[in-house]
Amino acid sequence: MSEPTATNRSSAIAAAVILGATGLAFYFMPSMMIALAEISPWLSYAVGIAFVLAFFAVFWLRGKRQQKPQDKPE
């Protein structure tokens, strides 16, 4: 088995932080949605959809950033 590199380790740490923050946000989401539904049900729908889309957008953007050629000067 190969030794872990700094890039692999930082990727794993970043993924763990993102998943932890998302898990915490989704833990509190039901109470946020209920509170927002008292103002407007559509507002609570929008916040729920935004959270789900943001979860996937973070990983999509991270993947796009990692696909950049490393040997090309900026």
N, C-alpha and C. Protein backbone atom coordinates (compact mmCIF):
# COMPACT_ATOMS: atom_id res chain seq x y z
N MET A 1 0.84 -1.17 0.00
CA MET A 1 0.00 0.00 0.00
C MET A 1 0.89 1.24 0.00
N SER A 2 0.48 2.27 -0.70
CA SER A 2 1.30 3.47 -0.79
C SER A 2 1.12 4.35 0.45
N GLU A 3 2.13 5.13 0.70
CA GLU A 3 2.08 6.04 1.84
C GLU A 3 1.17 7.22 1.53
N PRO A 4 0.43 7.72 2.52
CA PRO A 4 -0.44 8.87 2.26
C PRO A 4 0.38 10.13 1.99
N THR A 5 -0.01 10.85 0.98
CA THR A 5 0.68 12.09 0.66
C THR A 5 -0.02 13.25 1.35
N ALA A 6 0.62 14.40 1.32
CA ALA A 6 0.03 15.59 1.95
C ALA A 6 -1.27 15.98 1.25
N THR A 7 -1.32 15.79 -0.07
CA THR A 7 -2.53 16.13 -0.81
C THR A 7 -3.69 15.24 -0.41
N ASN A 8 -3.44 13.95 -0.30
CA ASN A 8 -4.50 13.02 0.11
C ASN A 8 -4.98 13.32 1.51
N ARG A 9 -4.04 13.64 2.37
CA ARG A 9 -4.41 13.93 3.76
C ARG A 9 -5.22 15.21 3.85
N SER A 10 -4.81 16.26 3.13
CA SER A 10 -5.57 17.52 3.19
C SER A 10 -6.94 17.36 2.54
N SER A 11 -7.04 16.53 1.50
CA SER A 11 -8.33 16.26 0.88
C SER A 11 -9.26 15.55 1.86
N ALA A 12 -8.71 14.60 2.59
CA ALA A 12 -9.52 13.87 3.57
C ALA A 12 -9.97 14.79 4.70
N ILE A 13 -9.10 15.66 5.14
CA ILE A 13 -9.46 16.61 6.21
C ILE A 13 -10.53 17.57 5.71
N ALA A 14 -10.36 18.09 4.49
CA ALA A 14 -11.35 19.02 3.93
C ALA A 14 -12.70 18.34 3.79
N ALA A 15 -12.71 17.10 3.30
CA ALA A 15 -13.98 16.37 3.15
C ALA A 15 -14.63 16.14 4.51
N ALA A 16 -13.84 15.81 5.51
CA ALA A 16 -14.38 15.58 6.86
C ALA A 16 -14.98 16.87 7.43
N VAL A 17 -14.31 17.99 7.22
CA VAL A 17 -14.83 19.27 7.72
C VAL A 17 -16.13 19.63 7.01
N ILE A 18 -16.16 19.45 5.68
CA ILE A 18 -17.36 19.77 4.91
C ILE A 18 -18.52 18.87 5.35
N LEU A 19 -18.27 17.58 5.48
CA LEU A 19 -19.33 16.66 5.91
C LEU A 19 -19.79 16.96 7.33
N GLY A 20 -18.86 17.31 8.21
CA GLY A 20 -19.23 17.64 9.59
C GLY A 20 -20.09 18.90 9.66
N ALA A 21 -19.70 19.92 8.93
CA ALA A 21 -20.48 21.17 8.92
C ALA A 21 -21.86 20.95 8.30
N THR A 22 -21.90 20.17 7.24
CA THR A 22 -23.17 19.87 6.59
C THR A 22 -24.06 19.03 7.51
N GLY A 23 -23.47 18.06 8.17
CA GLY A 23 -24.24 17.25 9.11
C GLY A 23 -24.82 18.08 10.24
N LEU A 24 -24.04 19.02 10.73
CA LEU A 24 -24.52 19.91 11.79
C LEU A 24 -25.67 20.78 11.28
N ALA A 25 -25.52 21.30 10.07
CA ALA A 25 -26.59 22.13 9.48
C ALA A 25 -27.86 21.31 9.28
N PHE A 26 -27.71 20.07 8.77
CA PHE A 26 -28.88 19.23 8.55
C PHE A 26 -29.50 18.75 9.87
N TYR A 27 -28.72 18.70 10.93
CA TYR A 27 -29.26 18.34 12.24
C TYR A 27 -30.25 19.40 12.73
N PHE A 28 -29.91 20.68 12.50
CA PHE A 28 -30.77 21.78 12.95
C PHE A 28 -31.80 22.18 11.90
N MET A 29 -31.76 21.58 10.73
CA MET A 29 -32.67 21.98 9.67
C MET A 29 -34.15 21.81 10.01
N PRO A 30 -34.60 20.72 10.62
CA PRO A 30 -36.04 20.61 10.90
C PRO A 30 -36.58 21.76 11.75
N SER A 31 -35.85 22.14 12.78
CA SER A 31 -36.34 23.25 13.61
C SER A 31 -36.29 24.57 12.85
N MET A 32 -35.29 24.75 11.98
CA MET A 32 -35.24 25.97 11.17
C MET A 32 -36.41 26.00 10.19
N MET A 33 -36.72 24.86 9.59
CA MET A 33 -37.81 24.81 8.62
C MET A 33 -39.16 25.07 9.29
N ILE A 34 -39.34 24.53 10.48
CA ILE A 34 -40.61 24.77 11.19
C ILE A 34 -40.74 26.25 11.56
N ALA A 35 -39.64 26.85 12.02
CA ALA A 35 -39.69 28.28 12.36
C ALA A 35 -39.93 29.14 11.13
N LEU A 36 -39.29 28.81 10.03
CA LEU A 36 -39.49 29.58 8.80
C LEU A 36 -40.87 29.35 8.21
N ALA A 37 -41.46 28.18 8.41
CA ALA A 37 -42.79 27.89 7.89
C ALA A 37 -43.85 28.74 8.55
N GLU A 38 -43.59 29.21 9.77
CA GLU A 38 -44.53 30.12 10.42
C GLU A 38 -44.56 31.46 9.69
N ILE A 39 -43.45 31.85 9.09
CA ILE A 39 -43.40 33.08 8.30
C ILE A 39 -43.99 32.83 6.92
N SER A 40 -43.45 31.82 6.24
CA SER A 40 -43.92 31.47 4.90
C SER A 40 -43.46 30.05 4.57
N PRO A 41 -44.40 29.21 4.17
CA PRO A 41 -43.99 27.85 3.78
C PRO A 41 -43.02 27.86 2.60
N TRP A 42 -43.20 28.78 1.68
CA TRP A 42 -42.30 28.86 0.52
C TRP A 42 -40.89 29.23 0.93
N LEU A 43 -40.75 30.04 1.97
CA LEU A 43 -39.43 30.38 2.48
C LEU A 43 -38.74 29.15 3.05
N SER A 44 -39.47 28.33 3.77
CA SER A 44 -38.86 27.11 4.32
C SER A 44 -38.49 26.13 3.21
N TYR A 45 -39.30 26.05 2.15
CA TYR A 45 -38.94 25.21 1.01
C TYR A 45 -37.65 25.70 0.36
N ALA A 46 -37.58 27.01 0.18
CA ALA A 46 -36.40 27.60 -0.47
C ALA A 46 -35.13 27.35 0.33
N VAL A 47 -35.21 27.48 1.64
CA VAL A 47 -34.04 27.24 2.49
C VAL A 47 -33.63 25.77 2.44
N GLY A 48 -34.59 24.87 2.49
CA GLY A 48 -34.28 23.44 2.40
C GLY A 48 -33.62 23.08 1.07
N ILE A 49 -34.15 23.61 -0.02
CA ILE A 49 -33.57 23.35 -1.33
C ILE A 49 -32.17 23.95 -1.43
N ALA A 50 -31.99 25.15 -0.87
CA ALA A 50 -30.68 25.80 -0.91
C ALA A 50 -29.64 24.98 -0.14
N PHE A 51 -30.02 24.41 1.00
CA PHE A 51 -29.08 23.59 1.77
C PHE A 51 -28.66 22.35 0.99
N VAL A 52 -29.62 21.68 0.36
CA VAL A 52 -29.31 20.47 -0.39
C VAL A 52 -28.43 20.80 -1.59
N LEU A 53 -28.77 21.85 -2.32
CA LEU A 53 -27.97 22.24 -3.48
C LEU A 53 -26.57 22.70 -3.06
N ALA A 54 -26.46 23.39 -1.93
CA ALA A 54 -25.15 23.85 -1.46
C ALA A 54 -24.25 22.67 -1.11
N PHE A 55 -24.83 21.61 -0.57
CA PHE A 55 -24.04 20.42 -0.24
C PHE A 55 -23.37 19.86 -1.49
N PHE A 56 -24.13 19.72 -2.55
CA PHE A 56 -23.57 19.18 -3.79
C PHE A 56 -22.67 20.19 -4.48
N ALA A 57 -23.00 21.47 -4.39
CA ALA A 57 -22.21 22.51 -5.05
C ALA A 57 -20.80 22.59 -4.46
N VAL A 58 -20.67 22.39 -3.17
CA VAL A 58 -19.34 22.44 -2.53
C VAL A 58 -18.44 21.35 -3.10
N PHE A 59 -18.95 20.15 -3.21
CA PHE A 59 -18.14 19.06 -3.75
C PHE A 59 -17.91 19.21 -5.25
N TRP A 60 -18.88 19.75 -5.97
CA TRP A 60 -18.70 19.99 -7.40
C TRP A 60 -17.61 21.03 -7.63
N LEU A 61 -17.65 22.13 -6.88
CA LEU A 61 -16.62 23.17 -7.01
C LEU A 61 -15.25 22.65 -6.60
N ARG A 62 -15.21 21.84 -5.57
CA ARG A 62 -13.94 21.27 -5.13
C ARG A 62 -13.36 20.36 -6.21
N GLY A 63 -14.20 19.58 -6.85
CA GLY A 63 -13.75 18.72 -7.93
C GLY A 63 -13.27 19.52 -9.13
N LYS A 64 -13.97 20.61 -9.45
CA LYS A 64 -13.55 21.46 -10.57
C LYS A 64 -12.19 22.09 -10.27
N ARG A 65 -11.97 22.48 -9.04
CA ARG A 65 -10.70 23.10 -8.67
C ARG A 65 -9.56 22.11 -8.75
N GLN A 66 -9.81 20.86 -8.38
CA GLN A 66 -8.76 19.85 -8.40
C GLN A 66 -8.45 19.37 -9.81
N GLN A 67 -9.31 19.63 -10.77
CA GLN A 67 -9.07 19.21 -12.15
C GLN A 67 -8.14 20.16 -12.89
N LYS A 68 -7.86 21.34 -12.34
CA LYS A 68 -6.97 22.28 -13.00
C LYS A 68 -5.58 21.66 -13.16
N PRO A 69 -4.92 21.89 -14.29
CA PRO A 69 -3.55 21.38 -14.46
C PRO A 69 -2.60 22.00 -13.43
N GLN A 70 -1.86 21.17 -12.77
CA GLN A 70 -0.97 21.63 -11.69
C GLN A 70 0.32 22.23 -12.22
N ASP A 71 0.75 21.83 -13.43
CA ASP A 71 2.03 22.30 -13.93
C ASP A 71 1.92 23.61 -14.71
N LYS A 72 0.73 24.13 -14.88
CA LYS A 72 0.52 25.34 -15.65
C LYS A 72 0.60 26.56 -14.73
N PRO A 73 1.50 27.54 -15.01
CA PRO A 73 1.55 28.72 -14.16
C PRO A 73 0.33 29.60 -14.39
N GLU A 74 -0.12 30.25 -13.33
CA GLU A 74 -1.32 31.08 -13.44
C GLU A 74 -0.98 32.50 -13.76
